N, C-alpha and C. Protein backbone atom coordinates (compact mmCIF):
# COMPACT_ATOMS: atom_id res chain seq x y z
N MET A 1 -1.93 40.15 -43.34
CA MET A 1 -0.72 39.91 -43.04
C MET A 1 -0.32 40.53 -41.61
N THR A 2 -1.01 41.72 -41.57
CA THR A 2 -0.96 42.56 -40.44
C THR A 2 -2.02 41.52 -39.12
N ALA A 3 -2.88 41.12 -39.33
CA ALA A 3 -3.88 40.18 -38.50
C ALA A 3 -2.62 39.31 -37.75
N LEU A 4 -2.00 38.64 -38.96
CA LEU A 4 -1.05 37.56 -38.27
C LEU A 4 -0.28 38.06 -37.30
N ARG A 5 0.51 39.27 -37.64
CA ARG A 5 1.36 40.20 -36.87
C ARG A 5 0.61 40.65 -35.85
N ALA A 6 -0.52 40.94 -35.56
CA ALA A 6 -1.17 41.28 -34.56
C ALA A 6 -1.13 39.98 -33.23
N LEU A 7 -1.83 38.84 -33.73
CA LEU A 7 -1.76 37.72 -33.36
C LEU A 7 -0.78 37.25 -32.62
N GLY A 8 0.76 37.53 -33.10
CA GLY A 8 1.71 36.80 -32.58
C GLY A 8 2.23 38.13 -31.58
N VAL A 9 2.02 39.32 -32.04
CA VAL A 9 2.45 40.35 -30.70
C VAL A 9 1.38 39.81 -29.43
N LEU A 10 0.36 39.65 -29.82
CA LEU A 10 -0.71 39.37 -28.70
C LEU A 10 -0.07 38.16 -28.02
N ALA A 11 -0.02 37.00 -28.47
CA ALA A 11 1.03 35.77 -27.84
C ALA A 11 1.96 36.46 -26.89
N ALA A 12 2.92 36.92 -27.85
CA ALA A 12 3.99 37.17 -26.81
C ALA A 12 3.69 37.93 -25.78
N VAL A 13 2.74 39.09 -25.71
CA VAL A 13 2.32 39.90 -24.54
C VAL A 13 1.89 38.87 -23.58
N VAL A 14 0.90 38.04 -23.91
CA VAL A 14 0.27 36.76 -22.77
C VAL A 14 1.59 36.12 -22.50
N LEU A 15 2.18 35.70 -22.89
CA LEU A 15 3.46 34.71 -22.24
C LEU A 15 4.21 35.52 -21.44
N LEU A 16 4.63 36.82 -21.79
CA LEU A 16 5.24 37.55 -21.02
C LEU A 16 4.58 38.20 -19.79
N ALA A 17 3.04 38.30 -19.65
CA ALA A 17 2.43 38.81 -18.84
C ALA A 17 2.43 38.01 -17.60
N GLY A 18 3.13 36.70 -17.88
CA GLY A 18 2.99 35.70 -16.67
C GLY A 18 4.15 35.71 -16.05
N CYS A 19 5.67 36.14 -16.47
CA CYS A 19 6.54 36.30 -16.01
C CYS A 19 6.65 37.52 -15.05
N THR A 20 7.65 37.55 -13.98
CA THR A 20 7.64 38.73 -12.90
C THR A 20 9.26 38.48 -12.77
N SER A 21 9.86 39.48 -11.95
CA SER A 21 11.14 39.44 -11.75
C SER A 21 11.08 38.78 -10.29
N GLU A 22 9.97 39.18 -9.60
CA GLU A 22 10.01 38.43 -8.27
C GLU A 22 9.41 37.05 -8.08
N ALA A 23 10.13 36.23 -7.38
CA ALA A 23 9.97 34.86 -7.19
C ALA A 23 9.15 34.57 -6.33
N LYS A 24 8.15 34.13 -6.24
CA LYS A 24 6.98 33.75 -5.09
C LYS A 24 7.56 32.69 -4.52
N GLU A 25 7.17 32.36 -3.06
CA GLU A 25 7.45 31.31 -2.67
C GLU A 25 6.31 30.31 -2.74
N PRO A 26 6.26 29.20 -2.99
CA PRO A 26 5.04 28.37 -2.95
C PRO A 26 4.26 28.05 -1.80
N GLN A 27 2.99 28.37 -1.98
CA GLN A 27 2.05 28.04 -0.43
C GLN A 27 2.63 26.71 -0.16
N ALA A 28 2.85 26.35 0.97
CA ALA A 28 2.88 24.91 1.59
C ALA A 28 1.63 24.30 2.11
N GLN A 29 1.40 23.03 1.11
CA GLN A 29 0.10 22.41 1.54
C GLN A 29 0.16 21.55 2.77
N PRO A 30 -0.81 22.04 3.40
CA PRO A 30 -1.02 21.05 4.79
C PRO A 30 -1.05 19.43 4.55
N GLN A 31 -0.03 18.83 4.80
CA GLN A 31 -0.23 17.39 4.93
C GLN A 31 -1.57 16.53 5.43
N GLU A 32 -2.24 16.01 4.50
CA GLU A 32 -3.52 15.40 4.85
C GLU A 32 -2.73 14.12 5.88
N ARG A 33 -3.52 13.93 7.09
CA ARG A 33 -3.08 12.77 7.70
C ARG A 33 -3.76 11.33 7.51
N SER A 34 -3.31 10.52 7.19
CA SER A 34 -3.96 8.86 7.11
C SER A 34 -4.39 8.39 8.09
N SER A 35 -5.64 7.73 7.43
CA SER A 35 -6.33 6.97 8.31
C SER A 35 -5.65 5.62 8.92
N LEU A 36 -4.58 5.39 7.94
CA LEU A 36 -3.65 3.91 8.10
C LEU A 36 -2.78 4.17 9.26
N THR A 37 -2.42 3.06 10.22
CA THR A 37 -1.51 3.37 10.90
C THR A 37 0.28 3.26 10.17
N ALA A 38 0.91 3.86 10.53
CA ALA A 38 2.63 3.77 10.20
C ALA A 38 3.08 2.36 10.00
N CYS A 39 3.80 2.08 9.03
CA CYS A 39 4.20 0.65 8.77
C CYS A 39 5.32 0.09 10.33
N PRO A 40 5.56 -1.07 10.27
CA PRO A 40 5.95 -1.68 11.73
C PRO A 40 7.68 -1.50 11.43
N GLU A 41 7.95 -1.22 12.36
CA GLU A 41 9.52 -1.18 12.30
C GLU A 41 10.24 -2.48 12.14
N GLN A 42 11.09 -2.82 11.27
CA GLN A 42 11.52 -4.18 10.96
C GLN A 42 12.88 -3.97 11.35
N SER A 43 13.26 -4.77 12.67
CA SER A 43 14.69 -4.78 12.50
C SER A 43 15.07 -6.35 13.10
N ALA A 44 14.49 -7.44 12.25
CA ALA A 44 14.90 -8.55 12.19
C ALA A 44 16.00 -9.13 11.59
N GLY A 45 16.23 -8.27 10.78
CA GLY A 45 17.59 -8.63 9.93
C GLY A 45 16.85 -9.09 8.82
N PRO A 46 17.92 -9.60 7.51
CA PRO A 46 17.33 -10.10 6.34
C PRO A 46 16.64 -10.98 6.32
N ALA A 47 15.28 -11.18 5.44
CA ALA A 47 14.44 -12.30 5.25
C ALA A 47 14.98 -13.28 4.79
N LYS A 48 15.03 -14.59 5.33
CA LYS A 48 15.63 -15.99 4.98
C LYS A 48 14.62 -16.69 4.68
N GLY A 49 15.00 -18.05 3.76
CA GLY A 49 14.17 -19.10 3.65
C GLY A 49 14.45 -19.60 2.33
N PRO A 50 13.87 -20.68 1.88
CA PRO A 50 13.82 -21.19 0.72
C PRO A 50 12.98 -20.25 -0.30
N HIS A 51 11.64 -19.18 0.23
CA HIS A 51 11.13 -18.73 -0.60
C HIS A 51 10.80 -17.33 0.25
N VAL A 52 10.97 -16.20 -0.47
CA VAL A 52 11.05 -14.98 0.42
C VAL A 52 10.02 -14.04 -0.56
N MET A 53 9.72 -12.59 0.13
CA MET A 53 9.21 -11.64 -1.01
C MET A 53 10.38 -11.04 -1.79
N PRO A 54 9.72 -10.29 -3.06
CA PRO A 54 10.95 -9.81 -3.72
C PRO A 54 11.63 -8.84 -2.70
N ALA A 55 12.94 -8.26 -3.01
CA ALA A 55 13.37 -7.35 -2.02
C ALA A 55 12.91 -5.68 -2.79
N LEU A 56 11.65 -5.25 -2.33
CA LEU A 56 11.37 -4.04 -2.63
C LEU A 56 11.06 -3.28 -1.63
N SER A 57 10.81 -1.95 -1.77
CA SER A 57 10.58 -1.22 -0.44
C SER A 57 9.84 0.04 -0.89
N PHE A 58 8.62 0.32 0.24
CA PHE A 58 7.48 1.24 -0.50
C PHE A 58 7.28 2.10 0.65
N ASP A 59 6.79 3.30 0.72
CA ASP A 59 6.62 4.27 1.75
C ASP A 59 5.03 3.78 1.97
N CYS A 60 4.96 4.23 3.43
CA CYS A 60 3.64 3.88 3.81
C CYS A 60 2.64 5.30 4.02
N PRO A 61 1.47 5.51 3.71
CA PRO A 61 1.11 6.81 3.59
C PRO A 61 0.75 7.11 5.34
N GLY A 62 0.62 6.21 6.07
CA GLY A 62 0.75 6.61 7.63
C GLY A 62 1.96 6.72 8.38
N GLY A 63 3.06 6.36 7.27
CA GLY A 63 4.48 6.66 8.11
C GLY A 63 5.28 5.70 7.79
N GLY A 64 6.67 5.83 7.81
CA GLY A 64 7.90 4.70 7.50
C GLY A 64 7.50 4.32 6.28
N THR A 65 8.32 2.87 6.45
CA THR A 65 8.55 2.12 5.12
C THR A 65 8.04 0.80 5.25
N LEU A 66 7.58 0.10 4.01
CA LEU A 66 7.73 -1.42 4.42
C LEU A 66 9.00 -2.07 3.33
N ASP A 67 10.02 -2.82 3.85
CA ASP A 67 11.05 -2.94 3.37
C ASP A 67 10.84 -4.70 3.18
N LEU A 68 10.51 -5.55 2.16
CA LEU A 68 9.84 -6.96 1.81
C LEU A 68 11.29 -7.59 2.15
N ALA A 69 12.58 -7.12 1.63
CA ALA A 69 13.79 -7.70 2.20
C ALA A 69 13.99 -7.95 3.53
N GLU A 70 13.35 -7.27 4.18
CA GLU A 70 13.58 -7.50 5.72
C GLU A 70 12.46 -8.60 6.32
N ALA A 71 13.12 -9.26 7.39
CA ALA A 71 12.12 -10.16 8.12
C ALA A 71 11.13 -9.30 9.09
N PRO A 72 9.90 -9.87 9.38
CA PRO A 72 9.00 -9.15 9.86
C PRO A 72 8.98 -9.07 11.52
N GLY A 73 9.93 -10.07 12.16
CA GLY A 73 9.97 -10.52 13.07
C GLY A 73 9.04 -10.99 13.97
N VAL A 74 7.62 -10.93 13.25
CA VAL A 74 6.50 -11.64 13.50
C VAL A 74 5.61 -12.32 12.73
N PRO A 75 4.83 -13.27 12.94
CA PRO A 75 4.13 -13.58 11.63
C PRO A 75 2.93 -12.54 11.24
N THR A 76 3.42 -12.73 9.84
CA THR A 76 2.88 -11.66 9.32
C THR A 76 2.01 -11.96 7.87
N LEU A 77 0.85 -10.90 7.66
CA LEU A 77 0.18 -11.16 6.34
C LEU A 77 0.19 -9.97 5.67
N VAL A 78 0.94 -10.10 4.48
CA VAL A 78 1.06 -8.85 3.50
C VAL A 78 0.04 -9.33 2.13
N SER A 79 -1.04 -8.30 2.49
CA SER A 79 -2.25 -8.45 1.50
C SER A 79 -1.96 -7.06 0.56
N LEU A 80 -2.12 -7.56 -0.58
CA LEU A 80 -2.03 -6.81 -1.97
C LEU A 80 -3.28 -6.41 -1.93
N TRP A 81 -3.70 -5.15 -2.33
CA TRP A 81 -5.16 -4.80 -2.47
C TRP A 81 -5.08 -3.58 -3.26
N GLY A 82 -6.35 -3.27 -3.78
CA GLY A 82 -6.52 -1.78 -4.59
C GLY A 82 -8.10 -1.50 -4.40
N SER A 83 -8.20 -0.06 -3.93
CA SER A 83 -9.62 0.53 -4.05
C SER A 83 -10.85 -0.18 -5.19
N TRP A 84 -9.83 -0.15 -6.48
CA TRP A 84 -10.61 -0.40 -7.76
C TRP A 84 -11.20 -2.26 -7.65
N CYS A 85 -10.76 -2.79 -6.75
CA CYS A 85 -11.00 -4.30 -6.64
C CYS A 85 -11.88 -4.79 -5.83
N PRO A 86 -13.06 -5.06 -6.50
CA PRO A 86 -14.54 -5.67 -5.64
C PRO A 86 -14.23 -6.54 -4.36
N PRO A 87 -13.35 -7.41 -4.80
CA PRO A 87 -13.30 -8.64 -4.01
C PRO A 87 -12.13 -8.06 -2.81
N CYS A 88 -11.37 -7.48 -3.02
CA CYS A 88 -10.35 -6.75 -2.12
C CYS A 88 -11.42 -5.93 -1.14
N ARG A 89 -12.06 -4.95 -1.34
CA ARG A 89 -13.61 -4.25 -0.46
C ARG A 89 -13.88 -5.32 0.42
N GLU A 90 -14.35 -6.20 -0.30
CA GLU A 90 -15.20 -7.07 0.39
C GLU A 90 -14.26 -8.00 1.66
N GLU A 91 -13.12 -8.32 1.16
CA GLU A 91 -11.84 -8.63 2.15
C GLU A 91 -11.46 -8.03 3.12
N MET A 92 -11.24 -6.64 2.78
CA MET A 92 -10.99 -5.76 3.99
C MET A 92 -11.34 -5.63 5.57
N PRO A 93 -12.66 -5.94 5.22
CA PRO A 93 -13.43 -5.80 7.15
C PRO A 93 -12.85 -7.31 7.70
N LEU A 94 -12.28 -8.18 7.01
CA LEU A 94 -11.86 -9.40 7.67
C LEU A 94 -10.34 -9.13 7.92
N LEU A 95 -9.56 -8.75 7.25
CA LEU A 95 -8.24 -8.50 7.76
C LEU A 95 -8.44 -7.44 8.71
N GLN A 96 -9.21 -6.33 8.60
CA GLN A 96 -9.09 -5.38 9.59
C GLN A 96 -9.41 -6.02 11.26
N GLU A 97 -10.36 -6.93 10.88
CA GLU A 97 -10.92 -7.80 12.13
C GLU A 97 -9.41 -8.51 12.76
N LEU A 98 -9.19 -9.42 11.94
CA LEU A 98 -8.10 -9.96 12.32
C LEU A 98 -6.91 -9.12 12.89
N ALA A 99 -6.55 -8.10 12.17
CA ALA A 99 -5.44 -7.01 12.41
C ALA A 99 -6.05 -6.63 14.30
N VAL A 100 -7.03 -6.82 14.47
CA VAL A 100 -7.27 -5.75 15.79
C VAL A 100 -7.59 -6.93 16.81
N SER A 101 -7.98 -8.19 16.57
CA SER A 101 -8.27 -9.10 17.41
C SER A 101 -6.95 -10.27 17.77
N SER A 102 -5.96 -9.94 16.93
CA SER A 102 -4.89 -10.62 16.97
C SER A 102 -3.87 -10.79 18.27
N GLY A 103 -4.26 -9.46 18.77
CA GLY A 103 -3.35 -9.15 20.11
C GLY A 103 -1.62 -9.06 19.82
N GLY A 104 -1.39 -8.62 18.56
CA GLY A 104 -0.15 -8.70 18.65
C GLY A 104 0.82 -9.71 18.12
N ASN A 105 -0.30 -11.05 17.98
CA ASN A 105 0.27 -12.28 17.79
C ASN A 105 0.63 -12.42 15.79
N VAL A 106 0.31 -11.76 15.25
CA VAL A 106 -0.22 -11.46 13.94
C VAL A 106 -0.20 -10.29 13.66
N GLN A 107 0.41 -9.68 12.74
CA GLN A 107 0.28 -8.72 11.83
C GLN A 107 0.04 -8.65 10.47
N VAL A 108 -0.73 -7.61 10.43
CA VAL A 108 -1.59 -7.23 9.03
C VAL A 108 -0.90 -6.21 8.36
N VAL A 109 -0.32 -6.15 6.94
CA VAL A 109 0.10 -5.43 6.41
C VAL A 109 -0.17 -5.28 5.01
N GLY A 110 -0.84 -3.92 4.31
CA GLY A 110 -1.34 -4.23 2.99
C GLY A 110 -0.14 -3.05 2.17
N VAL A 111 -0.38 -3.92 0.99
CA VAL A 111 0.05 -2.79 -0.04
C VAL A 111 -0.54 -2.59 -0.97
N ILE A 112 -0.71 -1.61 -1.11
CA ILE A 112 -1.88 -0.72 -1.98
C ILE A 112 -1.38 -0.86 -3.56
N SER A 113 -2.17 -1.31 -4.06
CA SER A 113 -1.66 -1.87 -5.61
C SER A 113 -2.02 -1.36 -6.56
N LYS A 114 -1.65 -0.46 -7.68
CA LYS A 114 -1.80 -0.27 -9.00
C LYS A 114 -3.05 0.76 -8.53
N ASP A 115 -2.98 1.81 -7.75
CA ASP A 115 -4.21 2.70 -6.98
C ASP A 115 -3.52 4.02 -7.00
N GLY A 116 -4.65 4.96 -6.83
CA GLY A 116 -4.46 6.43 -6.82
C GLY A 116 -4.09 6.39 -5.10
N ARG A 117 -3.27 7.15 -4.77
CA ARG A 117 -3.28 7.35 -3.18
C ARG A 117 -4.94 8.13 -2.42
N PRO A 118 -5.24 9.10 -3.03
CA PRO A 118 -6.16 9.54 -2.75
C PRO A 118 -7.64 8.61 -2.60
N GLN A 119 -7.62 7.84 -3.40
CA GLN A 119 -8.71 6.82 -3.92
C GLN A 119 -8.52 5.58 -2.76
N ALA A 120 -7.27 5.29 -2.67
CA ALA A 120 -6.96 4.15 -1.96
C ALA A 120 -7.14 4.61 -0.15
N GLU A 121 -6.76 6.00 0.14
CA GLU A 121 -6.96 6.45 1.33
C GLU A 121 -8.47 6.55 1.91
N SER A 122 -9.13 7.10 0.69
CA SER A 122 -10.62 7.40 0.66
C SER A 122 -11.18 6.26 1.29
N PHE A 123 -11.17 5.01 0.44
CA PHE A 123 -11.79 3.85 0.68
C PHE A 123 -11.37 3.24 2.05
N ALA A 124 -10.19 3.26 2.33
CA ALA A 124 -9.49 2.81 3.79
C ALA A 124 -10.04 3.60 5.22
N ALA A 125 -10.39 4.88 4.52
CA ALA A 125 -11.06 5.60 5.82
C ALA A 125 -12.75 5.17 6.06
N ASP A 126 -13.49 5.06 4.71
CA ASP A 126 -14.62 4.80 4.62
C ASP A 126 -14.87 3.14 5.15
N ALA A 127 -13.87 2.45 4.94
CA ALA A 127 -13.97 1.07 5.57
C ALA A 127 -13.61 0.72 6.71
N GLY A 128 -13.12 1.81 7.41
CA GLY A 128 -12.65 1.41 8.66
C GLY A 128 -11.32 0.88 9.15
N VAL A 129 -10.48 1.05 8.02
CA VAL A 129 -9.01 0.01 7.68
C VAL A 129 -8.25 0.98 8.31
N THR A 130 -7.60 0.36 9.50
CA THR A 130 -6.36 1.14 10.25
C THR A 130 -5.02 0.31 9.98
N PHE A 131 -5.20 -0.97 9.79
CA PHE A 131 -3.38 -1.68 9.59
C PHE A 131 -2.93 -1.05 8.76
N PRO A 132 -1.62 -0.93 8.89
CA PRO A 132 -0.60 -0.30 7.99
C PRO A 132 -0.90 -0.76 6.34
N SER A 133 -0.52 -0.04 5.51
CA SER A 133 -0.58 -0.17 4.39
C SER A 133 0.61 0.74 3.63
N ALA A 134 1.32 0.16 2.76
CA ALA A 134 2.52 0.57 2.16
C ALA A 134 1.76 0.77 0.63
N PHE A 135 2.29 1.84 -0.12
CA PHE A 135 1.88 2.41 -1.52
C PHE A 135 2.92 1.94 -2.52
N ASP A 136 2.31 1.16 -3.28
CA ASP A 136 2.59 0.72 -4.63
C ASP A 136 1.94 1.10 -6.16
N GLY A 137 1.85 2.30 -5.89
CA GLY A 137 0.54 3.07 -6.89
C GLY A 137 1.00 2.50 -8.33
N GLU A 138 2.26 2.13 -8.80
CA GLU A 138 2.67 1.55 -10.12
C GLU A 138 2.55 0.20 -10.18
N GLY A 139 2.24 -0.60 -9.32
CA GLY A 139 2.15 -2.28 -9.18
C GLY A 139 3.51 -3.02 -9.45
N LYS A 140 4.67 -2.22 -8.96
CA LYS A 140 5.84 -3.13 -8.98
C LYS A 140 6.03 -4.27 -8.56
N LEU A 141 5.22 -4.35 -7.36
CA LEU A 141 5.37 -5.78 -6.87
C LEU A 141 4.47 -6.70 -7.55
N MET A 142 3.42 -6.37 -8.00
CA MET A 142 2.69 -7.20 -8.68
C MET A 142 3.31 -7.80 -10.21
N ALA A 143 3.94 -7.05 -10.56
CA ALA A 143 4.79 -7.30 -11.70
C ALA A 143 5.76 -8.14 -11.41
N GLU A 144 6.55 -7.90 -10.25
CA GLU A 144 7.76 -8.45 -9.90
C GLU A 144 7.40 -10.08 -9.30
N LEU A 145 6.18 -9.99 -8.97
CA LEU A 145 5.21 -11.78 -8.60
C LEU A 145 5.01 -12.33 -9.51
N GLY A 146 4.43 -11.53 -11.07
CA GLY A 146 3.92 -12.01 -12.07
C GLY A 146 2.22 -12.22 -12.00
N ILE A 147 1.77 -11.46 -11.14
CA ILE A 147 0.36 -11.38 -10.65
C ILE A 147 -0.26 -10.19 -11.60
N ASN A 148 -1.71 -10.30 -11.93
CA ASN A 148 -2.39 -9.13 -13.05
C ASN A 148 -3.82 -8.87 -12.00
N VAL A 149 -4.19 -10.01 -11.22
CA VAL A 149 -5.11 -9.77 -10.21
C VAL A 149 -5.15 -9.53 -8.75
N LEU A 150 -6.18 -9.01 -8.42
CA LEU A 150 -6.14 -8.80 -6.68
C LEU A 150 -7.10 -9.49 -6.09
N PRO A 151 -7.37 -10.04 -4.79
CA PRO A 151 -6.27 -9.75 -3.77
C PRO A 151 -5.35 -11.16 -3.66
N TYR A 152 -4.23 -11.02 -3.50
CA TYR A 152 -3.30 -11.78 -3.09
C TYR A 152 -2.78 -11.69 -1.58
N THR A 153 -2.80 -12.77 -0.96
CA THR A 153 -2.49 -12.61 0.82
C THR A 153 -1.19 -13.60 0.87
N TYR A 154 0.17 -12.86 1.36
CA TYR A 154 1.00 -13.44 1.61
C TYR A 154 1.33 -13.87 2.92
N PHE A 155 1.74 -14.98 3.29
CA PHE A 155 1.80 -15.38 4.73
C PHE A 155 3.34 -15.62 4.95
N LEU A 156 3.83 -14.80 6.10
CA LEU A 156 5.29 -14.61 6.27
C LEU A 156 5.63 -14.92 8.18
N ALA A 157 6.61 -15.74 7.95
CA ALA A 157 7.08 -16.64 9.25
C ALA A 157 7.69 -15.24 9.63
N PRO A 158 7.93 -15.14 10.97
CA PRO A 158 8.76 -14.25 11.53
C PRO A 158 10.26 -13.96 10.63
N ASP A 159 11.02 -14.96 10.22
CA ASP A 159 12.06 -14.79 9.77
C ASP A 159 11.97 -14.28 8.00
N GLY A 160 10.71 -14.12 7.66
CA GLY A 160 10.33 -13.83 6.52
C GLY A 160 10.41 -14.82 5.44
N THR A 161 10.28 -16.04 5.62
CA THR A 161 9.55 -17.00 5.00
C THR A 161 8.35 -17.02 4.20
N LEU A 162 8.44 -17.08 3.15
CA LEU A 162 7.03 -17.30 2.41
C LEU A 162 6.58 -18.63 2.91
N THR A 163 5.47 -18.64 3.70
CA THR A 163 4.78 -20.00 3.97
C THR A 163 3.64 -20.52 2.96
N TYR A 164 2.75 -19.68 2.50
CA TYR A 164 1.83 -19.61 2.26
C TYR A 164 1.23 -18.23 1.22
N THR A 165 0.46 -18.58 0.09
CA THR A 165 0.31 -17.61 -0.68
C THR A 165 -1.56 -18.00 -0.96
N GLN A 166 -2.40 -16.92 -0.56
CA GLN A 166 -3.75 -17.04 -0.61
C GLN A 166 -3.97 -16.28 -1.73
N VAL A 167 -4.53 -17.20 -3.11
CA VAL A 167 -4.98 -16.50 -3.97
C VAL A 167 -6.44 -15.81 -4.14
N GLY A 168 -6.73 -14.84 -4.30
CA GLY A 168 -8.20 -14.30 -4.39
C GLY A 168 -8.74 -13.97 -2.69
N PRO A 169 -9.66 -13.78 -2.47
CA PRO A 169 -10.35 -13.44 -1.19
C PRO A 169 -10.65 -14.58 0.04
N VAL A 170 -10.18 -14.09 1.30
CA VAL A 170 -10.98 -15.24 2.11
C VAL A 170 -12.28 -14.68 2.48
N THR A 171 -13.14 -15.56 2.62
CA THR A 171 -14.56 -15.30 3.10
C THR A 171 -15.16 -15.11 4.23
N SER A 172 -14.48 -15.31 5.41
CA SER A 172 -14.87 -15.46 6.73
C SER A 172 -13.80 -15.04 7.35
N ILE A 173 -14.13 -14.65 8.70
CA ILE A 173 -13.09 -14.63 9.85
C ILE A 173 -12.37 -15.99 10.14
N GLU A 174 -13.54 -16.87 10.05
CA GLU A 174 -12.97 -18.06 10.77
C GLU A 174 -12.25 -18.94 9.38
N GLN A 175 -12.03 -18.63 8.19
CA GLN A 175 -11.22 -19.26 7.27
C GLN A 175 -10.29 -18.58 7.27
N LEU A 176 -9.89 -17.19 7.59
CA LEU A 176 -8.69 -16.22 7.73
C LEU A 176 -7.99 -16.73 9.07
N ARG A 177 -8.67 -17.15 9.92
CA ARG A 177 -8.08 -17.61 11.41
C ARG A 177 -7.65 -19.14 11.36
N GLY A 178 -8.07 -20.00 10.21
CA GLY A 178 -7.81 -21.52 9.80
C GLY A 178 -6.28 -21.20 9.08
N LEU A 179 -6.36 -20.40 8.07
CA LEU A 179 -5.40 -20.24 7.30
C LEU A 179 -4.05 -19.72 8.09
N VAL A 180 -4.38 -18.89 9.16
CA VAL A 180 -3.25 -18.31 9.87
C VAL A 180 -2.69 -19.46 10.90
N ALA A 181 -3.62 -20.27 11.49
CA ALA A 181 -3.37 -21.48 12.30
C ALA A 181 -2.36 -22.19 11.42
N GLU A 182 -3.02 -22.81 10.43
CA GLU A 182 -2.29 -23.90 9.32
C GLU A 182 -0.91 -23.23 9.14
N HIS A 183 -1.00 -22.22 8.39
CA HIS A 183 0.32 -21.55 8.12
C HIS A 183 1.28 -20.51 8.61
N LEU A 184 0.54 -20.59 10.04
CA LEU A 184 1.87 -19.72 10.51
C LEU A 184 2.16 -19.97 11.88
N GLY A 185 1.19 -21.23 12.26
CA GLY A 185 1.29 -21.80 13.72
C GLY A 185 0.61 -21.02 15.01
N VAL A 186 -0.19 -20.40 14.52
CA VAL A 186 -0.60 -19.11 15.43
C VAL A 186 -2.16 -19.45 15.52
N ARG A 187 -2.71 -19.61 16.57
CA ARG A 187 -4.20 -19.84 17.14
C ARG A 187 -4.74 -18.59 17.68
N LEU A 188 -5.73 -18.14 16.91
CA LEU A 188 -6.35 -17.20 17.37
C LEU A 188 -7.81 -16.93 17.92
């Protein structure tokens, strides 16, 4: 019984040792800068059309938010991707090339899906991806769309109308430009 009592006293001392009367200010951790650019401003009003994206909003690691209930104002590709997805990793350079070469005629926005932010940020930095991406770590958009695999790319008209859904990866920049021309009416 004395050994048990001694163990209880020792446990109480250990617990109380961590308590002090002085409150310490938590050290501010420097915010890591994202390699991804900020999500674009959306001021074209609510998305319209017979088919639109679910009305969800996500923070963007590069800054700002992506509100899928708002019209993008310009032809837009919304690519759902994750660092854990091998086909997404293969497709990313093509989406980056389109984002850079479109001259602002088409915008590319990613949605990081069912992923950890550090993993996604690391992959994007390693792959040279700079286009904006929103963070949906829990996969709310995938659940709302009823999908469980990636990648999916959604083509949106300036008013937010969903004009086409690409299931699976594109395999060449020519294929991607052809899809943009066919479904968004923009020749690149």
